[in-house]
PDB file of all heavy atoms in Angstrom:
ATOM      1  N   SER A   1     -24.003 -28.546   1.967  1.00  0.00           N
ATOM      2  CA  SER A   1     -25.236 -28.575   1.189  1.00  0.00           C
ATOM      3  C   SER A   1     -25.445 -27.299   0.383  1.00  0.00           C
ATOM      4  O   SER A   1     -26.045 -27.332  -0.656  1.00  0.00           O
ATOM      5  CB  SER A   1     -26.435 -28.844   2.103  1.00  0.00           C
ATOM      6  OG  SER A   1     -26.589 -27.799   3.028  1.00  0.00           O
ATOM      7  N   SER A   2     -24.972 -26.181   0.867  1.00  0.00           N
ATOM      8  CA  SER A   2     -24.983 -24.964   0.066  1.00  0.00           C
ATOM      9  C   SER A   2     -23.889 -24.046   0.600  1.00  0.00           C
ATOM     10  O   SER A   2     -23.632 -24.017   1.794  1.00  0.00           O
ATOM     11  CB  SER A   2     -26.353 -24.288   0.104  1.00  0.00           C
ATOM     12  OG  SER A   2     -26.625 -23.782   1.378  1.00  0.00           O
ATOM     13  N   PRO A   3     -23.250 -23.320  -0.288  1.00  0.00           N
ATOM     14  CA  PRO A   3     -22.141 -22.459   0.128  1.00  0.00           C
ATOM     15  C   PRO A   3     -22.605 -21.400   1.133  1.00  0.00           C
ATOM     16  O   PRO A   3     -23.709 -20.876   1.038  1.00  0.00           O
ATOM     17  CB  PRO A   3     -21.678 -21.800  -1.170  1.00  0.00           C
ATOM     18  CG  PRO A   3     -22.271 -22.608  -2.263  1.00  0.00           C
ATOM     19  CD  PRO A   3     -23.495 -23.261  -1.710  1.00  0.00           C
ATOM     20  N   ILE A   4     -21.737 -21.121   2.079  1.00  0.00           N
ATOM     21  CA  ILE A   4     -22.055 -20.125   3.092  1.00  0.00           C
ATOM     22  C   ILE A   4     -21.461 -18.788   2.684  1.00  0.00           C
ATOM     23  O   ILE A   4     -20.267 -18.680   2.432  1.00  0.00           O
ATOM     24  CB  ILE A   4     -21.528 -20.571   4.466  1.00  0.00           C
ATOM     25  CG1 ILE A   4     -22.297 -21.813   4.924  1.00  0.00           C
ATOM     26  CG2 ILE A   4     -21.642 -19.447   5.489  1.00  0.00           C
ATOM     27  CD1 ILE A   4     -21.806 -22.417   6.202  1.00  0.00           C
ATOM     28  N   SER A   5     -22.321 -17.782   2.610  1.00  0.00           N
ATOM     29  CA  SER A   5     -21.904 -16.418   2.309  1.00  0.00           C
ATOM     30  C   SER A   5     -22.188 -15.562   3.528  1.00  0.00           C
ATOM     31  O   SER A   5     -23.303 -15.576   4.053  1.00  0.00           O
ATOM     32  CB  SER A   5     -22.661 -15.863   1.105  1.00  0.00           C
ATOM     33  OG  SER A   5     -22.357 -16.608  -0.052  1.00  0.00           O
ATOM     34  N   ILE A   6     -21.176 -14.810   3.955  1.00  0.00           N
ATOM     35  CA  ILE A   6     -21.272 -14.025   5.176  1.00  0.00           C
ATOM     36  C   ILE A   6     -21.180 -12.544   4.825  1.00  0.00           C
ATOM     37  O   ILE A   6     -20.218 -12.112   4.184  1.00  0.00           O
ATOM     38  CB  ILE A   6     -20.135 -14.405   6.145  1.00  0.00           C
ATOM     39  CG1 ILE A   6     -20.163 -15.908   6.440  1.00  0.00           C
ATOM     40  CG2 ILE A   6     -20.228 -13.582   7.431  1.00  0.00           C
ATOM     41  CD1 ILE A   6     -18.894 -16.442   7.074  1.00  0.00           C
ATOM     42  N   ASN A   7     -22.161 -11.768   5.259  1.00  0.00           N
ATOM     43  CA  ASN A   7     -22.122 -10.311   5.063  1.00  0.00           C
ATOM     44  C   ASN A   7     -21.164  -9.707   6.076  1.00  0.00           C
ATOM     45  O   ASN A   7     -21.311  -9.935   7.282  1.00  0.00           O
ATOM     46  CB  ASN A   7     -23.513  -9.704   5.222  1.00  0.00           C
ATOM     47  CG  ASN A   7     -24.425 -10.097   4.095  1.00  0.00           C
ATOM     48  OD1 ASN A   7     -24.013 -10.165   2.946  1.00  0.00           O
ATOM     49  ND2 ASN A   7     -25.676 -10.375   4.416  1.00  0.00           N
ATOM     50  N   THR A   8     -20.178  -8.957   5.581  1.00  0.00           N
ATOM     51  CA  THR A   8     -19.220  -8.276   6.436  1.00  0.00           C
ATOM     52  C   THR A   8     -19.212  -6.795   6.068  1.00  0.00           C
ATOM     53  O   THR A   8     -19.728  -6.416   5.012  1.00  0.00           O
ATOM     54  CB  THR A   8     -17.792  -8.849   6.247  1.00  0.00           C
ATOM     55  OG1 THR A   8     -17.256  -8.373   5.013  1.00  0.00           O
ATOM     56  CG2 THR A   8     -17.777 -10.365   6.279  1.00  0.00           C
ATOM     57  N   PRO A   9     -18.607  -5.965   6.901  1.00  0.00           N
ATOM     58  CA  PRO A   9     -18.523  -4.538   6.543  1.00  0.00           C
ATOM     59  C   PRO A   9     -17.753  -4.291   5.245  1.00  0.00           C
ATOM     60  O   PRO A   9     -17.941  -3.272   4.605  1.00  0.00           O
ATOM     61  CB  PRO A   9     -17.785  -3.924   7.735  1.00  0.00           C
ATOM     62  CG  PRO A   9     -18.073  -4.847   8.867  1.00  0.00           C
ATOM     63  CD  PRO A   9     -18.143  -6.216   8.255  1.00  0.00           C
ATOM     64  N   LYS A  10     -16.925  -5.241   4.836  1.00  0.00           N
ATOM     65  CA  LYS A  10     -16.137  -5.085   3.611  1.00  0.00           C
ATOM     66  C   LYS A  10     -16.751  -5.813   2.424  1.00  0.00           C
ATOM     67  O   LYS A  10     -16.115  -5.937   1.390  1.00  0.00           O
ATOM     68  CB  LYS A  10     -14.713  -5.579   3.844  1.00  0.00           C
ATOM     69  CG  LYS A  10     -13.981  -4.751   4.882  1.00  0.00           C
ATOM     70  CD  LYS A  10     -12.577  -5.231   5.078  1.00  0.00           C
ATOM     71  CE  LYS A  10     -11.879  -4.369   6.118  1.00  0.00           C
ATOM     72  NZ  LYS A  10     -10.501  -4.749   6.314  1.00  0.00           N
ATOM     73  N   GLY A  11     -17.975  -6.301   2.571  1.00  0.00           N
ATOM     74  CA  GLY A  11     -18.623  -7.020   1.488  1.00  0.00           C
ATOM     75  C   GLY A  11     -18.939  -8.448   1.885  1.00  0.00           C
ATOM     76  O   GLY A  11     -18.834  -8.822   3.049  1.00  0.00           O
ATOM     77  N   VAL A  12     -19.304  -9.248   0.913  1.00  0.00           N
ATOM     78  CA  VAL A  12     -19.696 -10.636   1.171  1.00  0.00           C
ATOM     79  C   VAL A  12     -18.451 -11.522   1.147  1.00  0.00           C
ATOM     80  O   VAL A  12     -17.640 -11.450   0.227  1.00  0.00           O
ATOM     81  CB  VAL A  12     -20.719 -11.120   0.127  1.00  0.00           C
ATOM     82  CG1 VAL A  12     -21.026 -12.591   0.302  1.00  0.00           C
ATOM     83  CG2 VAL A  12     -21.993 -10.294   0.212  1.00  0.00           C
ATOM     84  N   LEU A  13     -18.333 -12.352   2.178  1.00  0.00           N
ATOM     85  CA  LEU A  13     -17.254 -13.334   2.259  1.00  0.00           C
ATOM     86  C   LEU A  13     -17.860 -14.705   2.037  1.00  0.00           C
ATOM     87  O   LEU A  13     -18.802 -15.091   2.732  1.00  0.00           O
ATOM     88  CB  LEU A  13     -16.589 -13.285   3.637  1.00  0.00           C
ATOM     89  CG  LEU A  13     -15.636 -14.439   3.942  1.00  0.00           C
ATOM     90  CD1 LEU A  13     -14.347 -14.292   3.125  1.00  0.00           C
ATOM     91  CD2 LEU A  13     -15.323 -14.516   5.422  1.00  0.00           C
ATOM     92  N   LYS A  14     -17.346 -15.414   1.054  1.00  0.00           N
ATOM     93  CA  LYS A  14     -17.759 -16.794   0.844  1.00  0.00           C
ATOM     94  C   LYS A  14     -16.827 -17.659   1.689  1.00  0.00           C
ATOM     95  O   LYS A  14     -15.613 -17.599   1.534  1.00  0.00           O
ATOM     96  CB  LYS A  14     -17.674 -17.164  -0.625  1.00  0.00           C
ATOM     97  CG  LYS A  14     -18.611 -16.316  -1.468  1.00  0.00           C
ATOM     98  CD  LYS A  14     -19.135 -17.091  -2.634  1.00  0.00           C
ATOM     99  CE  LYS A  14     -20.052 -16.263  -3.478  1.00  0.00           C
ATOM    100  NZ  LYS A  14     -21.386 -16.161  -2.971  1.00  0.00           N
ATOM    101  N   LEU A  15     -17.416 -18.436   2.597  1.00  0.00           N
ATOM    102  CA  LEU A  15     -16.619 -19.222   3.526  1.00  0.00           C
ATOM    103  C   LEU A  15     -15.661 -20.161   2.797  1.00  0.00           C
ATOM    104  O   LEU A  15     -14.521 -20.342   3.227  1.00  0.00           O
ATOM    105  CB  LEU A  15     -17.524 -19.998   4.484  1.00  0.00           C
ATOM    106  CG  LEU A  15     -16.844 -20.635   5.685  1.00  0.00           C
ATOM    107  CD1 LEU A  15     -16.129 -19.592   6.529  1.00  0.00           C
ATOM    108  CD2 LEU A  15     -17.849 -21.380   6.530  1.00  0.00           C
ATOM    109  N   ASP A  16     -16.095 -20.708   1.670  1.00  0.00           N
ATOM    110  CA  ASP A  16     -15.204 -21.616   0.947  1.00  0.00           C
ATOM    111  C   ASP A  16     -13.989 -20.910   0.346  1.00  0.00           C
ATOM    112  O   ASP A  16     -13.023 -21.544  -0.044  1.00  0.00           O
ATOM    113  CB  ASP A  16     -15.947 -22.445  -0.096  1.00  0.00           C
ATOM    114  CG  ASP A  16     -16.611 -21.630  -1.184  1.00  0.00           C
ATOM    115  OD1 ASP A  16     -16.489 -20.383  -1.182  1.00  0.00           O
ATOM    116  OD2 ASP A  16     -17.270 -22.234  -2.054  1.00  0.00           O
ATOM    117  N   SER A  17     -14.001 -19.576   0.323  1.00  0.00           N
ATOM    118  CA  SER A  17     -12.813 -18.844  -0.144  1.00  0.00           C
ATOM    119  C   SER A  17     -11.676 -18.923   0.874  1.00  0.00           C
ATOM    120  O   SER A  17     -10.540 -18.574   0.557  1.00  0.00           O
ATOM    121  CB  SER A  17     -13.151 -17.372  -0.432  1.00  0.00           C
ATOM    122  OG  SER A  17     -13.352 -16.652   0.781  1.00  0.00           O
ATOM    123  N   LEU A  18     -11.968 -19.395   2.069  1.00  0.00           N
ATOM    124  CA  LEU A  18     -10.953 -19.527   3.109  1.00  0.00           C
ATOM    125  C   LEU A  18     -10.326 -20.916   3.137  1.00  0.00           C
ATOM    126  O   LEU A  18      -9.525 -21.214   4.027  1.00  0.00           O
ATOM    127  CB  LEU A  18     -11.552 -19.192   4.484  1.00  0.00           C
ATOM    128  CG  LEU A  18     -12.060 -17.761   4.636  1.00  0.00           C
ATOM    129  CD1 LEU A  18     -12.676 -17.561   6.018  1.00  0.00           C
ATOM    130  CD2 LEU A  18     -10.964 -16.747   4.389  1.00  0.00           C
ATOM    131  N   LYS A  19     -10.688 -21.767   2.174  1.00  0.00           N
ATOM    132  CA  LYS A  19     -10.044 -23.081   2.102  1.00  0.00           C
ATOM    133  C   LYS A  19      -8.542 -22.874   2.004  1.00  0.00           C
ATOM    134  O   LYS A  19      -8.073 -21.946   1.353  1.00  0.00           O
ATOM    135  CB  LYS A  19     -10.563 -23.891   0.910  1.00  0.00           C
ATOM    136  CG  LYS A  19     -11.895 -24.523   1.188  1.00  0.00           C
ATOM    137  CD  LYS A  19     -12.319 -25.444   0.070  1.00  0.00           C
ATOM    138  CE  LYS A  19     -13.677 -26.029   0.392  1.00  0.00           C
ATOM    139  NZ  LYS A  19     -14.197 -26.856  -0.677  1.00  0.00           N
ATOM    140  N   GLY A  20      -7.806 -23.733   2.674  1.00  0.00           N
ATOM    141  CA  GLY A  20      -6.362 -23.578   2.756  1.00  0.00           C
ATOM    142  C   GLY A  20      -5.953 -22.975   4.090  1.00  0.00           C
ATOM    143  O   GLY A  20      -4.785 -23.002   4.456  1.00  0.00           O
ATOM    144  N   GLN A  21      -6.931 -22.429   4.802  1.00  0.00           N
ATOM    145  CA  GLN A  21      -6.687 -21.886   6.131  1.00  0.00           C
ATOM    146  C   GLN A  21      -7.492 -22.690   7.155  1.00  0.00           C
ATOM    147  O   GLN A  21      -8.489 -23.320   6.818  1.00  0.00           O
ATOM    148  CB  GLN A  21      -7.125 -20.424   6.208  1.00  0.00           C
ATOM    149  CG  GLN A  21      -6.357 -19.506   5.276  1.00  0.00           C
ATOM    150  CD  GLN A  21      -6.779 -18.061   5.483  1.00  0.00           C
ATOM    151  OE1 GLN A  21      -6.619 -17.534   6.560  1.00  0.00           O
ATOM    152  NE2 GLN A  21      -7.325 -17.461   4.444  1.00  0.00           N
ATOM    153  N   VAL A  22      -7.052 -22.647   8.395  1.00  0.00           N
ATOM    154  CA  VAL A  22      -7.840 -23.191   9.491  1.00  0.00           C
ATOM    155  C   VAL A  22      -8.718 -22.043   9.973  1.00  0.00           C
ATOM    156  O   VAL A  22      -8.236 -20.933  10.180  1.00  0.00           O
ATOM    157  CB  VAL A  22      -6.928 -23.712  10.621  1.00  0.00           C
ATOM    158  CG1 VAL A  22      -7.756 -24.122  11.837  1.00  0.00           C
ATOM    159  CG2 VAL A  22      -6.073 -24.881  10.125  1.00  0.00           C
ATOM    160  N   VAL A  23     -10.010 -22.304  10.124  1.00  0.00           N
ATOM    161  CA  VAL A  23     -10.967 -21.250  10.465  1.00  0.00           C
ATOM    162  C   VAL A  23     -11.673 -21.601  11.774  1.00  0.00           C
ATOM    163  O   VAL A  23     -12.132 -22.731  11.964  1.00  0.00           O
ATOM    164  CB  VAL A  23     -12.014 -21.052   9.348  1.00  0.00           C
ATOM    165  CG1 VAL A  23     -13.050 -20.012   9.738  1.00  0.00           C
ATOM    166  CG2 VAL A  23     -11.331 -20.683   8.035  1.00  0.00           C
ATOM    167  N   TYR A  24     -11.749 -20.619  12.646  1.00  0.00           N
ATOM    168  CA  TYR A  24     -12.552 -20.709  13.856  1.00  0.00           C
ATOM    169  C   TYR A  24     -13.770 -19.840  13.613  1.00  0.00           C
ATOM    170  O   TYR A  24     -13.679 -18.616  13.586  1.00  0.00           O
ATOM    171  CB  TYR A  24     -11.753 -20.213  15.062  1.00  0.00           C
ATOM    172  CG  TYR A  24     -12.420 -20.482  16.388  1.00  0.00           C
ATOM    173  CD1 TYR A  24     -12.180 -21.668  17.077  1.00  0.00           C
ATOM    174  CD2 TYR A  24     -13.281 -19.551  16.957  1.00  0.00           C
ATOM    175  CE1 TYR A  24     -12.776 -21.919  18.299  1.00  0.00           C
ATOM    176  CE2 TYR A  24     -13.888 -19.796  18.177  1.00  0.00           C
ATOM    177  CZ  TYR A  24     -13.630 -20.976  18.850  1.00  0.00           C
ATOM    178  OH  TYR A  24     -14.230 -21.216  20.060  1.00  0.00           O
ATOM    179  N   LEU A  25     -14.909 -20.474  13.347  1.00  0.00           N
ATOM    180  CA  LEU A  25     -16.154 -19.780  13.036  1.00  0.00           C
ATOM    181  C   LEU A  25     -16.979 -19.698  14.310  1.00  0.00           C
ATOM    182  O   LEU A  25     -17.360 -20.722  14.883  1.00  0.00           O
ATOM    183  CB  LEU A  25     -16.912 -20.535  11.947  1.00  0.00           C
ATOM    184  CG  LEU A  25     -18.202 -19.920  11.432  1.00  0.00           C
ATOM    185  CD1 LEU A  25     -17.923 -18.581  10.741  1.00  0.00           C
ATOM    186  CD2 LEU A  25     -18.894 -20.884  10.473  1.00  0.00           C
ATOM    187  N   ASP A  26     -17.232 -18.466  14.757  1.00  0.00           N
ATOM    188  CA  ASP A  26     -17.880 -18.242  16.041  1.00  0.00           C
ATOM    189  C   ASP A  26     -19.177 -17.465  15.838  1.00  0.00           C
ATOM    190  O   ASP A  26     -19.192 -16.457  15.124  1.00  0.00           O
ATOM    191  CB  ASP A  26     -16.931 -17.447  16.941  1.00  0.00           C
ATOM    192  CG  ASP A  26     -17.465 -17.244  18.333  1.00  0.00           C
ATOM    193  OD1 ASP A  26     -17.502 -18.231  19.090  1.00  0.00           O
ATOM    194  OD2 ASP A  26     -17.829 -16.103  18.673  1.00  0.00           O
ATOM    195  N   PHE A  27     -20.260 -17.927  16.462  1.00  0.00           N
ATOM    196  CA  PHE A  27     -21.538 -17.221  16.424  1.00  0.00           C
ATOM    197  C   PHE A  27     -21.748 -16.553  17.770  1.00  0.00           C
ATOM    198  O   PHE A  27     -21.576 -17.185  18.817  1.00  0.00           O
ATOM    199  CB  PHE A  27     -22.686 -18.192  16.131  1.00  0.00           C
ATOM    200  CG  PHE A  27     -22.691 -18.676  14.722  1.00  0.00           C
ATOM    201  CD1 PHE A  27     -21.913 -19.757  14.344  1.00  0.00           C
ATOM    202  CD2 PHE A  27     -23.472 -18.040  13.764  1.00  0.00           C
ATOM    203  CE1 PHE A  27     -21.909 -20.200  13.032  1.00  0.00           C
ATOM    204  CE2 PHE A  27     -23.469 -18.480  12.443  1.00  0.00           C
ATOM    205  CZ  PHE A  27     -22.679 -19.559  12.080  1.00  0.00           C
ATOM    206  N   TRP A  28     -22.119 -15.268  17.742  1.00  0.00           N
ATOM    207  CA  TRP A  28     -22.252 -14.500  18.976  1.00  0.00           C
ATOM    208  C   TRP A  28     -23.415 -13.524  18.880  1.00  0.00           C
ATOM    209  O   TRP A  28     -23.930 -13.268  17.794  1.00  0.00           O
ATOM    210  CB  TRP A  28     -20.955 -13.755  19.283  1.00  0.00           C
ATOM    211  CG  TRP A  28     -20.595 -12.701  18.267  1.00  0.00           C
ATOM    212  CD1 TRP A  28     -20.023 -12.908  17.035  1.00  0.00           C
ATOM    213  CD2 TRP A  28     -20.804 -11.298  18.367  1.00  0.00           C
ATOM    214  NE1 TRP A  28     -19.863 -11.711  16.387  1.00  0.00           N
ATOM    215  CE2 TRP A  28     -20.327 -10.697  17.179  1.00  0.00           C
ATOM    216  CE3 TRP A  28     -21.346 -10.474  19.360  1.00  0.00           C
ATOM    217  CZ2 TRP A  28     -20.378  -9.329  16.956  1.00  0.00           C
ATOM    218  CZ3 TRP A  28     -21.389  -9.100  19.128  1.00  0.00           C
ATOM    219  CH2 TRP A  28     -20.905  -8.549  17.938  1.00  0.00           C
ATOM    220  N   ALA A  29     -23.797 -12.989  20.038  1.00  0.00           N
ATOM    221  CA  ALA A  29     -24.854 -11.980  20.100  1.00  0.00           C
ATOM    222  C   ALA A  29     -24.515 -10.994  21.217  1.00  0.00           C
ATOM    223  O   ALA A  29     -23.789 -11.329  22.150  1.00  0.00           O
ATOM    224  CB  ALA A  29     -26.207 -12.638  20.373  1.00  0.00           C
ATOM    225  N   SER A  30     -25.054  -9.801  21.115  1.00  0.00           N
ATOM    226  CA  SER A  30     -24.742  -8.745  22.078  1.00  0.00           C
ATOM    227  C   SER A  30     -25.192  -9.085  23.492  1.00  0.00           C
ATOM    228  O   SER A  30     -24.593  -8.635  24.460  1.00  0.00           O
ATOM    229  CB  SER A  30     -25.382  -7.426  21.639  1.00  0.00           C
ATOM    230  OG  SER A  30     -26.791  -7.560  21.615  1.00  0.00           O
ATOM    231  N   TRP A  31     -26.217  -9.862  23.644  1.00  0.00           N
ATOM    232  CA  TRP A  31     -26.767 -10.210  24.948  1.00  0.00           C
ATOM    233  C   TRP A  31     -26.062 -11.391  25.605  1.00  0.00           C
ATOM    234  O   TRP A  31     -26.359 -11.757  26.735  1.00  0.00           O
ATOM    235  CB  TRP A  31     -28.256 -10.517  24.837  1.00  0.00           C
ATOM    236  CG  TRP A  31     -28.580 -11.476  23.731  1.00  0.00           C
ATOM    237  CD1 TRP A  31     -28.997 -11.151  22.474  1.00  0.00           C
ATOM    238  CD2 TRP A  31     -28.478 -12.900  23.769  1.00  0.00           C
ATOM    239  NE1 TRP A  31     -29.166 -12.288  21.719  1.00  0.00           N
ATOM    240  CE2 TRP A  31     -28.857 -13.386  22.503  1.00  0.00           C
ATOM    241  CE3 TRP A  31     -28.109 -13.819  24.738  1.00  0.00           C
ATOM    242  CZ2 TRP A  31     -28.866 -14.741  22.182  1.00  0.00           C
ATOM    243  CZ3 TRP A  31     -28.122 -15.170  24.422  1.00  0.00           C
ATOM    244  CH2 TRP A  31     -28.500 -15.613  23.161  1.00  0.00           C
ATOM    245  N   CYS A  32     -25.113 -11.978  24.926  1.00  0.00           N
ATOM    246  CA  CYS A  32     -24.446 -13.205  25.370  1.00  0.00           C
ATOM    247  C   CYS A  32     -23.302 -12.896  26.336  1.00  0.00           C
ATOM    248  O   CYS A  32     -22.274 -12.358  25.932  1.00  0.00           O
ATOM    249  CB  CYS A  32     -23.933 -13.942  24.133  1.00  0.00           C
ATOM    250  SG  CYS A  32     -22.794 -15.289  24.462  1.00  0.00           S
ATOM    251  N   ALA A  33     -23.485 -13.244  27.609  1.00  0.00           N
ATOM    252  CA  ALA A  33     -22.441 -12.985  28.619  1.00  0.00           C
ATOM    253  C   ALA A  33     -21.142 -13.749  28.326  1.00  0.00           C
ATOM    254  O   ALA A  33     -20.057 -13.160  28.409  1.00  0.00           O
ATOM    255  CB  ALA A  33     -22.971 -13.298  30.008  1.00  0.00           C
ATOM    256  N   PRO A  34     -21.183 -15.034  27.972  1.00  0.00           N
ATOM    257  CA  PRO A  34     -19.931 -15.729  27.664  1.00  0.00           C
ATOM    258  C   PRO A  34     -19.195 -15.147  26.443  1.00  0.00           C
ATOM    259  O   PRO A  34     -17.979 -15.245  26.351  1.00  0.00           O
ATOM    260  CB  PRO A  34     -20.358 -17.174  27.402  1.00  0.00           C
ATOM    261  CG  PRO A  34     -21.662 -17.326  28.094  1.00  0.00           C
ATOM    262  CD  PRO A  34     -22.311 -15.976  28.021  1.00  0.00           C
ATOM    263  N   CYS A  35     -19.944 -14.515  25.534  1.00  0.00           N
ATOM    264  CA  CYS A  35     -19.312 -13.905  24.366  1.00  0.00           C
ATOM    265  C   CYS A  35     -18.377 -12.776  24.791  1.00  0.00           C
ATOM    266  O   CYS A  35     -17.311 -12.583  24.195  1.00  0.00           O
ATOM    267  CB  CYS A  35     -20.363 -13.375  23.392  1.00  0.00           C
ATOM    268  SG  CYS A  35     -21.447 -14.659  22.711  1.00  0.00           S
ATOM    269  N   LYS A  36     -18.766 -12.055  25.823  1.00  0.00           N
ATOM    270  CA  LYS A  36     -17.912 -10.980  26.333  1.00  0.00           C
ATOM    271  C   LYS A  36     -16.584 -11.527  26.817  1.00  0.00           C
ATOM    272  O   LYS A  36     -15.545 -10.896  26.656  1.00  0.00           O
ATOM    273  CB  LYS A  36     -18.620 -10.244  27.474  1.00  0.00           C
ATOM    274  CG  LYS A  36     -19.862  -9.521  27.040  1.00  0.00           C
ATOM    275  CD  LYS A  36     -20.620  -8.950  28.221  1.00  0.00           C
ATOM    276  CE  LYS A  36     -21.943  -8.357  27.749  1.00  0.00           C
ATOM    277  NZ  LYS A  36     -22.775  -7.908  28.863  1.00  0.00           N
ATOM    278  N   LYS A  37     -16.604 -12.714  27.388  1.00  0.00           N
ATOM    279  CA  LYS A  37     -15.381 -13.357  27.880  1.00  0.00           C
ATOM    280  C   LYS A  37     -14.572 -13.972  26.744  1.00  0.00           C
ATOM    281  O   LYS A  37     -13.362 -14.068  26.823  1.00  0.00           O
ATOM    282  CB  LYS A  37     -15.728 -14.429  28.906  1.00  0.00           C
ATOM    283  CG  LYS A  37     -16.340 -13.868  30.166  1.00  0.00           C
ATOM    284  CD  LYS A  37     -16.675 -14.982  31.129  1.00  0.00           C
ATOM    285  CE  LYS A  37     -17.293 -14.418  32.394  1.00  0.00           C
ATOM    286  NZ  LYS A  37     -17.667 -15.474  33.326  1.00  0.00           N
ATOM    287  N   SER A  38     -15.254 -14.396  25.683  1.00  0.00           N
ATOM    288  CA  SER A  38     -14.550 -15.083  24.599  1.00  0.00           C
ATOM    289  C   SER A  38     -13.801 -14.129  23.673  1.00  0.00           C
ATOM    290  O   SER A  38     -12.792 -14.509  23.075  1.00  0.00           O
ATOM    291  CB  SER A  38     -15.517 -15.936  23.771  1.00  0.00           C
ATOM    292  OG  SER A  38     -16.391 -15.139  23.003  1.00  0.00           O
ATOM    293  N   PHE A  39     -14.259 -12.894  23.533  1.00  0.00           N
ATOM    294  CA  PHE A  39     -13.648 -11.975  22.576  1.00  0.00           C
ATOM    295  C   PHE A  39     -12.161 -11.705  22.836  1.00  0.00           C
ATOM    296  O   PHE A  39     -11.377 -11.694  21.888  1.00  0.00           O
ATOM    297  CB  PHE A  39     -14.453 -10.683  22.454  1.00  0.00           C
ATOM    298  CG  PHE A  39     -15.473 -10.721  21.349  1.00  0.00           C
ATOM    299  CD1 PHE A  39     -16.377 -11.776  21.240  1.00  0.00           C
ATOM    300  CD2 PHE A  39     -15.531  -9.726  20.403  1.00  0.00           C
ATOM    301  CE1 PHE A  39     -17.307 -11.825  20.209  1.00  0.00           C
ATOM    302  CE2 PHE A  39     -16.451  -9.764  19.362  1.00  0.00           C
ATOM    303  CZ  PHE A  39     -17.342 -10.815  19.274  1.00  0.00           C
ATOM    304  N   PRO A  40     -11.716 -11.496  24.076  1.00  0.00           N
ATOM    305  CA  PRO A  40     -10.271 -11.323  24.286  1.00  0.00           C
ATOM    306  C   PRO A  40      -9.476 -12.542  23.827  1.00  0.00           C
ATOM    307  O   PRO A  40      -8.411 -12.410  23.214  1.00  0.00           O
ATOM    308  CB  PRO A  40     -10.151 -11.103  25.797  1.00  0.00           C
ATOM    309  CG  PRO A  40     -11.473 -10.547  26.197  1.00  0.00           C
ATOM    310  CD  PRO A  40     -12.474 -11.242  25.300  1.00  0.00           C
ATOM    311  N   TRP A  41     -10.009 -13.736  24.083  1.00  0.00           N
ATOM    312  CA  TRP A  41      -9.318 -14.946  23.632  1.00  0.00           C
ATOM    313  C   TRP A  41      -9.323 -15.044  22.110  1.00  0.00           C
ATOM    314  O   TRP A  41      -8.312 -15.405  21.502  1.00  0.00           O
ATOM    315  CB  TRP A  41      -9.958 -16.194  24.247  1.00  0.00           C
ATOM    316  CG  TRP A  41      -9.313 -17.450  23.770  1.00  0.00           C
ATOM    317  CD1 TRP A  41      -8.047 -17.891  24.054  1.00  0.00           C
ATOM    318  CD2 TRP A  41      -9.876 -18.421  22.890  1.00  0.00           C
ATOM    319  NE1 TRP A  41      -7.803 -19.082  23.410  1.00  0.00           N
ATOM    320  CE2 TRP A  41      -8.916 -19.432  22.694  1.00  0.00           C
ATOM    321  CE3 TRP A  41     -11.107 -18.540  22.265  1.00  0.00           C
ATOM    322  CZ2 TRP A  41      -9.148 -20.540  21.889  1.00  0.00           C
ATOM    323  CZ3 TRP A  41     -11.332 -19.642  21.462  1.00  0.00           C
ATOM    324  CH2 TRP A  41     -10.363 -20.628  21.281  1.00  0.00           C
ATOM    325  N   LEU A  42     -10.432 -14.715  21.476  1.00  0.00           N
ATOM    326  CA  LEU A  42     -10.487 -14.737  20.012  1.00  0.00           C
ATOM    327  C   LEU A  42      -9.462 -13.772  19.425  1.00  0.00           C
ATOM    328  O   LEU A  42      -8.793 -14.089  18.431  1.00  0.00           O
ATOM    329  CB  LEU A  42     -11.895 -14.409  19.512  1.00  0.00           C
ATOM    330  CG  LEU A  42     -12.988 -15.432  19.852  1.00  0.00           C
ATOM    331  CD1 LEU A  42     -14.354 -14.909  19.431  1.00  0.00           C
ATOM    332  CD2 LEU A  42     -12.697 -16.782  19.238  1.00  0.00           C
ATOM    333  N   ASN A  43      -9.318 -12.603  20.032  1.00  0.00           N
ATOM    334  CA  ASN A  43      -8.283 -11.654  19.600  1.00  0.00           C
ATOM    335  C   ASN A  43      -6.896 -12.271  19.747  1.00  0.00           C
ATOM    336  O   ASN A  43      -6.050 -12.153  18.854  1.00  0.00           O
ATOM    337  CB  ASN A  43      -8.354 -10.352  20.410  1.00  0.00           C
ATOM    338  CG  ASN A  43      -9.503  -9.467  19.991  1.00  0.00           C
ATOM    339  OD1 ASN A  43      -9.904  -9.429  18.840  1.00  0.00           O
ATOM    340  ND2 ASN A  43     -10.044  -8.732  20.943  1.00  0.00           N
TER     341      ASN A  43
END
């Protein structure tokens, strides 16, 4: 419905610029206990 733009330390990333790749888009927060477990796997 509208393009997704993500603020990153290197500037804005438009999600549609990653077309052609398979993307695992993950939402996380500092207080999230399962996120602590997921980061090693994401790496």
